[in-house]
PDB file of N, CA and C in Angstrom:
ATOM      1  N   MET A   1      75.004  91.480 119.910  1.00  0.00           N
ATOM      2  CA  MET A   1      75.826  92.277 118.597  1.00  0.00           C
ATOM      3  C   MET A   1      76.694  92.951 119.007  1.00  0.00           C
ATOM      4  N   ALA A   2      77.985  92.814 118.638  1.00  0.00           N
ATOM      5  CA  ALA A   2      78.861  93.670 118.901  1.00  0.00           C
ATOM      6  C   ALA A   2      78.925  95.569 118.971  1.00  0.00           C
ATOM      7  N   PHE A   3      79.331  96.263 119.336  1.00  0.00           N
ATOM      8  CA  PHE A   3      79.378  97.829 119.237  1.00  0.00           C
ATOM      9  C   PHE A   3      80.035  97.853 117.531  1.00  0.00           C
ATOM     10  N   ILE A   4      81.117  97.381 117.809  1.00  0.00           N
ATOM     11  CA  ILE A   4      81.694  97.624 116.064  1.00  0.00           C
ATOM     12  C   ILE A   4      82.082  96.008 115.284  1.00  0.00           C
ATOM     13  N   GLU A   5      81.247  95.977 114.169  1.00  0.00           N
ATOM     14  CA  GLU A   5      81.893  94.561 113.733  1.00  0.00           C
ATOM     15  C   GLU A   5      82.515  95.289 112.308  1.00  0.00           C
ATOM     16  N   LEU A   6      83.691  94.583 111.918  1.00  0.00           N
ATOM     17  CA  LEU A   6      84.042  94.664 110.781  1.00  0.00           C
ATOM     18  C   LEU A   6      84.221  93.196 110.156  1.00  0.00           C
ATOM     19  N   ASN A   7      83.548  93.176 108.954  1.00  0.00           N
ATOM     20  CA  ASN A   7      83.429  91.377 108.265  1.00  0.00           C
ATOM     21  C   ASN A   7      84.140  91.623 107.246  1.00  0.00           C
ATOM     22  N   ASN A   8      84.827  90.818 107.008  1.00  0.00           N
ATOM     23  CA  ASN A   8      85.664  90.406 105.785  1.00  0.00           C
ATOM     24  C   ASN A   8      86.104  91.690 104.968  1.00  0.00           C
ATOM     25  N   ILE A   9      86.735  92.892 105.252  1.00  0.00           N
ATOM     26  CA  ILE A   9      87.236  94.335 104.912  1.00  0.00           C
ATOM     27  C   ILE A   9      88.427  93.850 104.153  1.00  0.00           C
ATOM     28  N   VAL A  10      88.328  94.355 102.733  1.00  0.00           N
ATOM     29  CA  VAL A  10      89.172  94.529 101.829  1.00  0.00           C
ATOM     30  C   VAL A  10      89.069  96.157 101.653  1.00  0.00           C
ATOM     31  N   LYS A  11      90.218  96.883 101.358  1.00  0.00           N
ATOM     32  CA  LYS A  11      89.997  98.029 100.930  1.00  0.00           C
ATOM     33  C   LYS A  11      91.457  98.188  99.854  1.00  0.00           C
ATOM     34  N   VAL A  12      91.150  98.545  98.678  1.00  0.00           N
ATOM     35  CA  VAL A  12      92.200  98.784  97.419  1.00  0.00           C
ATOM     36  C   VAL A  12      92.109 100.361  96.986  1.00  0.00           C
ATOM     37  N   PHE A  13      93.251 100.850  96.950  1.00  0.00           N
ATOM     38  CA  PHE A  13      93.479 101.990  96.168  1.00  0.00           C
ATOM     39  C   PHE A  13      93.630 101.953  94.955  1.00  0.00           C
ATOM     40  N   LYS A  14      92.947 102.535  93.857  1.00  0.00           N
ATOM     41  CA  LYS A  14      93.444 102.635  92.798  1.00  0.00           C
ATOM     42  C   LYS A  14      94.628 103.673  92.888  1.00  0.00           C
ATOM     43  N   ASP A  15      95.359 103.744  92.055  1.00  0.00           N
ATOM     44  CA  ASP A  15      96.148 104.507  91.507  1.00  0.00           C
ATOM     45  C   ASP A  15      96.356 104.779  89.681  1.00  0.00           C
ATOM     46  N   LYS A  16      95.627 105.724  89.052  1.00  0.00           N
ATOM     47  CA  LYS A  16      95.101 106.128  88.048  1.00  0.00           C
ATOM     48  C   LYS A  16      96.514 106.345  87.250  1.00  0.00           C
ATOM     49  N   LYS A  17      97.160 107.482  88.073  1.00  0.00           N
ATOM     50  CA  LYS A  17      98.689 107.859  87.257  1.00  0.00           C
ATOM     51  C   LYS A  17      99.073 106.205  86.721  1.00  0.00           C
ATOM     52  N   ARG A  18      99.442 105.539  87.378  1.00  0.00           N
ATOM     53  CA  ARG A  18     100.283 104.101  87.291  1.00  0.00           C
ATOM     54  C   ARG A  18      99.563 103.241  86.536  1.00  0.00           C
ATOM     55  N   GLY A  19      98.416 103.087  86.653  1.00  0.00           N
ATOM     56  CA  GLY A  19      97.304 102.024  86.164  1.00  0.00           C
ATOM     57  C   GLY A  19      97.260 100.799  87.145  1.00  0.00           C
ATOM     58  N   THR A  20      97.799 100.761  88.413  1.00  0.00           N
ATOM     59  CA  THR A  20      97.702  99.816  89.500  1.00  0.00           C
ATOM     60  C   THR A  20      96.744  99.965  90.323  1.00  0.00           C
ATOM     61  N   ASP A  21      96.692  98.787  90.992  1.00  0.00           N
ATOM     62  CA  ASP A  21      96.028  99.022  92.205  1.00  0.00           C
ATOM     63  C   ASP A  21      96.848  98.587  93.503  1.00  0.00           C
ATOM     64  N   MET A  22      96.458  99.007  94.882  1.00  0.00           N
ATOM     65  CA  MET A  22      97.429  98.955  96.070  1.00  0.00           C
ATOM     66  C   MET A  22      96.449  98.712  97.115  1.00  0.00           C
ATOM     67  N   LEU A  23      96.701  97.160  97.326  1.00  0.00           N
ATOM     68  CA  LEU A  23      95.960  96.392  98.725  1.00  0.00           C
ATOM     69  C   LEU A  23      96.271  97.180  99.643  1.00  0.00           C
ATOM     70  N   ALA A  24      95.223  97.770 100.320  1.00  0.00           N
ATOM     71  CA  ALA A  24      96.016  98.286 101.480  1.00  0.00           C
ATOM     72  C   ALA A  24      95.683  97.386 102.607  1.00  0.00           C
ATOM     73  N   ILE A  25      94.259  96.995 102.891  1.00  0.00           N
ATOM     74  CA  ILE A  25      93.730  95.917 103.889  1.00  0.00           C
ATOM     75  C   ILE A  25      92.938  94.625 103.135  1.00  0.00           C
ATOM     76  N   ASP A  26      93.281  93.511 103.732  1.00  0.00           N
ATOM     77  CA  ASP A  26      92.816  92.424 103.145  1.00  0.00           C
ATOM     78  C   ASP A  26      92.519  91.348 104.275  1.00  0.00           C
ATOM     79  N   ASN A  27      90.842  91.145 103.799  1.00  0.00           N
ATOM     80  CA  ASN A  27      89.978  89.996 104.609  1.00  0.00           C
ATOM     81  C   ASN A  27      90.457  90.446 106.229  1.00  0.00           C
ATOM     82  N   VAL A  28      89.991  91.489 106.661  1.00  0.00           N
ATOM     83  CA  VAL A  28      90.056  91.654 108.403  1.00  0.00           C
ATOM     84  C   VAL A  28      88.632  91.527 108.637  1.00  0.00           C
ATOM     85  N   THR A  29      88.551  90.658 109.699  1.00  0.00           N
ATOM     86  CA  THR A  29      87.506  90.754 110.524  1.00  0.00           C
ATOM     87  C   THR A  29      87.602  90.629 112.056  1.00  0.00           C
ATOM     88  N   LEU A  30      86.805  91.571 112.687  1.00  0.00           N
ATOM     89  CA  LEU A  30      87.137  91.771 114.294  1.00  0.00           C
ATOM     90  C   LEU A  30      85.534  92.326 114.685  1.00  0.00           C
ATOM     91  N   SER A  31      85.301  91.885 115.840  1.00  0.00           N
ATOM     92  CA  SER A  31      84.386  92.451 116.456  1.00  0.00           C
ATOM     93  C   SER A  31      85.010  92.836 118.101  1.00  0.00           C
ATOM     94  N   LEU A  32      84.164  94.063 118.292  1.00  0.00           N
ATOM     95  CA  LEU A  32      84.423  95.151 119.680  1.00  0.00           C
ATOM     96  C   LEU A  32      83.137  95.110 120.499  1.00  0.00           C
ATOM     97  N   GLU A  33      82.919  95.081 121.822  1.00  0.00           N
ATOM     98  CA  GLU A  33      81.844  95.181 122.748  1.00  0.00           C
ATOM     99  C   GLU A  33      82.612  96.905 122.959  1.00  0.00           C
ATOM    100  N   LYS A  34      81.500  97.253 123.488  1.00  0.00           N
ATOM    101  CA  LYS A  34      81.509  98.473 124.383  1.00  0.00           C
ATOM    102  C   LYS A  34      82.504  98.788 125.095  1.00  0.00           C
ATOM    103  N   LYS A  35      83.178  99.695 125.519  1.00  0.00           N
ATOM    104  CA  LYS A  35      84.312  99.572 126.528  1.00  0.00           C
ATOM    105  C   LYS A  35      85.497  98.542 126.566  1.00  0.00           C
ATOM    106  N   GLU A  36      85.595  97.958 125.498  1.00  0.00           N
ATOM    107  CA  GLU A  36      86.613  96.953 125.146  1.00  0.00           C
ATOM    108  C   GLU A  36      87.488  97.898 124.567  1.00  0.00           C
ATOM    109  N   PHE A  37      88.975  97.702 124.705  1.00  0.00           N
ATOM    110  CA  PHE A  37      90.103  98.268 124.415  1.00  0.00           C
ATOM    111  C   PHE A  37      90.688  97.366 123.431  1.00  0.00           C
ATOM    112  N   LEU A  38      91.299  98.371 122.149  1.00  0.00           N
ATOM    113  CA  LEU A  38      92.205  97.629 121.181  1.00  0.00           C
ATOM    114  C   LEU A  38      92.947  98.380 121.011  1.00  0.00           C
ATOM    115  N   CYS A  39      94.455  97.928 120.726  1.00  0.00           N
ATOM    116  CA  CYS A  39      95.580  98.727 120.168  1.00  0.00           C
ATOM    117  C   CYS A  39      95.759  98.177 118.845  1.00  0.00           C
ATOM    118  N   LEU A  40      96.084  99.070 117.652  1.00  0.00           N
ATOM    119  CA  LEU A  40      96.280  98.751 116.352  1.00  0.00           C
ATOM    120  C   LEU A  40      98.261  99.466 116.452  1.00  0.00           C
ATOM    121  N   LEU A  41      99.034  98.150 115.873  1.00  0.00           N
ATOM    122  CA  LEU A  41     100.120  98.538 115.968  1.00  0.00           C
ATOM    123  C   LEU A  41     100.573  97.882 114.512  1.00  0.00           C
ATOM    124  N   GLY A  42     101.592  98.515 114.061  1.00  0.00           N
ATOM    125  CA  GLY A  42     102.168  97.872 112.710  1.00  0.00           C
ATOM    126  C   GLY A  42     103.037  99.102 112.127  1.00  0.00           C
ATOM    127  N   PRO A  43     103.462  98.818 111.104  1.00  0.00           N
ATOM    128  CA  PRO A  43     104.815  99.612 110.668  1.00  0.00           C
ATOM    129  C   PRO A  43     103.853 100.705 109.451  1.00  0.00           C
ATOM    130  N   SER A  44     104.525 101.666 109.219  1.00  0.00           N
ATOM    131  CA  SER A  44     104.152 102.630 108.502  1.00  0.00           C
ATOM    132  C   SER A  44     103.553 102.200 107.176  1.00  0.00           C
ATOM    133  N   GLY A  45     102.243 102.430 106.429  1.00  0.00           N
ATOM    134  CA  GLY A  45     101.653 101.782 105.447  1.00  0.00           C
ATOM    135  C   GLY A  45     100.933 100.512 105.623  1.00  0.00           C
ATOM    136  N   CYS A  46     101.049 100.161 106.806  1.00  0.00           N
ATOM    137  CA  CYS A  46     100.464  98.893 106.906  1.00  0.00           C
ATOM    138  C   CYS A  46      98.627  98.771 106.763  1.00  0.00           C
ATOM    139  N   GLY A  47      97.930 100.105 107.013  1.00  0.00           N
ATOM    140  CA  GLY A  47      96.527 100.291 107.032  1.00  0.00           C
ATOM    141  C   GLY A  47      95.846 100.600 108.278  1.00  0.00           C
ATOM    142  N   LYS A  48      96.739 100.908 109.179  1.00  0.00           N
ATOM    143  CA  LYS A  48      96.217 101.406 110.696  1.00  0.00           C
ATOM    144  C   LYS A  48      95.081 102.379 110.207  1.00  0.00           C
ATOM    145  N   SER A  49      95.538 103.580 109.559  1.00  0.00           N
ATOM    146  CA  SER A  49      94.625 104.622 109.871  1.00  0.00           C
ATOM    147  C   SER A  49      93.636 104.481 108.735  1.00  0.00           C
ATOM    148  N   THR A  50      94.034 103.656 107.714  1.00  0.00           N
ATOM    149  CA  THR A  50      92.917 103.350 106.492  1.00  0.00           C
ATOM    150  C   THR A  50      91.484 102.564 107.918  1.00  0.00           C
ATOM    151  N   LEU A  51      91.966 101.620 108.180  1.00  0.00           N
ATOM    152  CA  LEU A  51      90.979 100.900 109.031  1.00  0.00           C
ATOM    153  C   LEU A  51      90.215 102.041 110.200  1.00  0.00           C
ATOM    154  N   LEU A  52      90.793 102.767 110.849  1.00  0.00           N
ATOM    155  CA  LEU A  52      90.062 103.499 111.890  1.00  0.00           C
ATOM    156  C   LEU A  52      89.471 104.637 110.622  1.00  0.00           C
ATOM    157  N   ASN A  53      89.977 104.766 109.682  1.00  0.00           N
ATOM    158  CA  ASN A  53      88.869 106.226 108.926  1.00  0.00           C
ATOM    159  C   ASN A  53      87.560 105.072 108.325  1.00  0.00           C
ATOM    160  N   MET A  54      87.890 104.227 108.195  1.00  0.00           N
ATOM    161  CA  MET A  54      86.570 103.079 107.475  1.00  0.00           C
ATOM    162  C   MET A  54      85.636 103.288 109.163  1.00  0.00           C
ATOM    163  N   ILE A  55      86.233 102.987 110.057  1.00  0.00           N
ATOM    164  CA  ILE A  55      85.065 102.817 111.253  1.00  0.00           C
ATOM    165  C   ILE A  55      84.618 104.152 111.332  1.00  0.00           C
ATOM    166  N   ALA A  56      85.157 105.221 111.410  1.00  0.00           N
ATOM    167  CA  ALA A  56      84.639 106.471 111.636  1.00  0.00           C
ATOM    168  C   ALA A  56      83.920 107.249 110.262  1.00  0.00           C
ATOM    169  N   GLY A  57      83.973 105.881 109.355  1.00  0.00           N
ATOM    170  CA  GLY A  57      83.063 106.565 108.220  1.00  0.00           C
ATOM    171  C   GLY A  57      83.924 107.558 107.207  1.00  0.00           C
ATOM    172  N   PHE A  58      84.719 107.884 107.237  1.00  0.00           N
ATOM    173  CA  PHE A  58      85.548 108.665 106.159  1.00  0.00           C
ATOM    174  C   PHE A  58      85.963 108.095 105.096  1.00  0.00           C
ATOM    175  N   GLU A  59      86.370 106.762 105.219  1.00  0.00           N
ATOM    176  CA  GLU A  59      86.737 105.932 104.023  1.00  0.00           C
ATOM    177  C   GLU A  59      85.393 104.727 104.067  1.00  0.00           C
ATOM    178  N   HIS A  60      85.436 104.290 102.633  1.00  0.00           N
ATOM    179  CA  HIS A  60      84.342 102.642 102.521  1.00  0.00           C
ATOM    180  C   HIS A  60      85.381 101.821 102.217  1.00  0.00           C
ATOM    181  N   PRO A  61      84.973 100.377 102.521  1.00  0.00           N
ATOM    182  CA  PRO A  61      85.496  98.916 102.026  1.00  0.00           C
ATOM    183  C   PRO A  61      85.564  98.912 100.594  1.00  0.00           C
ATOM    184  N   THR A  62      86.768  98.449 100.045  1.00  0.00           N
ATOM    185  CA  THR A  62      85.841  98.136  98.264  1.00  0.00           C
ATOM    186  C   THR A  62      85.288  96.862  98.683  1.00  0.00           C
ATOM    187  N   SER A  63      85.274  95.870  99.702  1.00  0.00           N
ATOM    188  CA  SER A  63      84.400  94.829  99.681  1.00  0.00           C
ATOM    189  C   SER A  63      84.256  94.605 101.740  1.00  0.00           C
ATOM    190  N   GLY A  64      83.249  94.192 101.897  1.00  0.00           N
ATOM    191  CA  GLY A  64      82.786  93.568 103.404  1.00  0.00           C
ATOM    192  C   GLY A  64      82.192  94.621 103.853  1.00  0.00           C
ATOM    193  N   SER A  65      81.755  94.491 105.161  1.00  0.00           N
ATOM    194  CA  SER A  65      81.159  95.741 106.029  1.00  0.00           C
ATOM    195  C   SER A  65      81.759  95.917 106.895  1.00  0.00           C
ATOM    196  N   VAL A  66      81.255  97.247 107.583  1.00  0.00           N
ATOM    197  CA  VAL A  66      81.583  97.870 108.881  1.00  0.00           C
ATOM    198  C   VAL A  66      80.153  98.143 109.360  1.00  0.00           C
ATOM    199  N   ILE A  67      80.257  97.837 110.252  1.00  0.00           N
ATOM    200  CA  ILE A  67      78.520  98.215 111.413  1.00  0.00           C
ATOM    201  C   ILE A  67      79.159  98.821 112.877  1.00  0.00           C
ATOM    202  N   VAL A  68      78.703  99.692 112.970  1.00  0.00           N
ATOM    203  CA  VAL A  68      79.091 100.537 114.489  1.00  0.00           C
ATOM    204  C   VAL A  68      77.915 100.636 114.593  1.00  0.00           C
ATOM    205  N   ASP A  69      77.548 100.278 116.030  1.00  0.00           N
ATOM    206  CA  ASP A  69      76.222 100.329 116.727  1.00  0.00           C
ATOM    207  C   ASP A  69      75.110 100.036 115.591  1.00  0.00           C
ATOM    208  N   GLY A  70      75.106  98.944 115.229  1.00  0.00           N
ATOM    209  CA  GLY A  70      74.023  98.556 114.502  1.00  0.00           C
ATOM    210  C   GLY A  70      74.000  99.245 113.344  1.00  0.00           C
ATOM    211  N   LYS A  71      74.742 100.254 113.016  1.00  0.00           N
ATOM    212  CA  LYS A  71      74.367 101.114 111.535  1.00  0.00           C
ATOM    213  C   LYS A  71      75.740 100.675 110.751  1.00  0.00           C
ATOM    214  N   PRO A  72      75.559 100.388 109.388  1.00  0.00           N
ATOM    215  CA  PRO A  72      76.688 100.629 108.084  1.00  0.00           C
ATOM    216  C   PRO A  72      77.109 101.991 108.127  1.00  0.00           C
TER     217      PRO A  72
END
């Protein structure tokens, strides 16, 4: 079992003022073992911080699962 597992992660932010949805992350699947190194690169606004915040537990995915060390 991987140390960090992201399974079919989707994150949608709701803009109540405009009545629209913003798709931040779409169907990301990833597994990392302990001591494995990963670098996230991309332009501003592509979802890098959102993905890291979900791994840290500060954000929750709209759908999919985040498992760190065997715990959701």
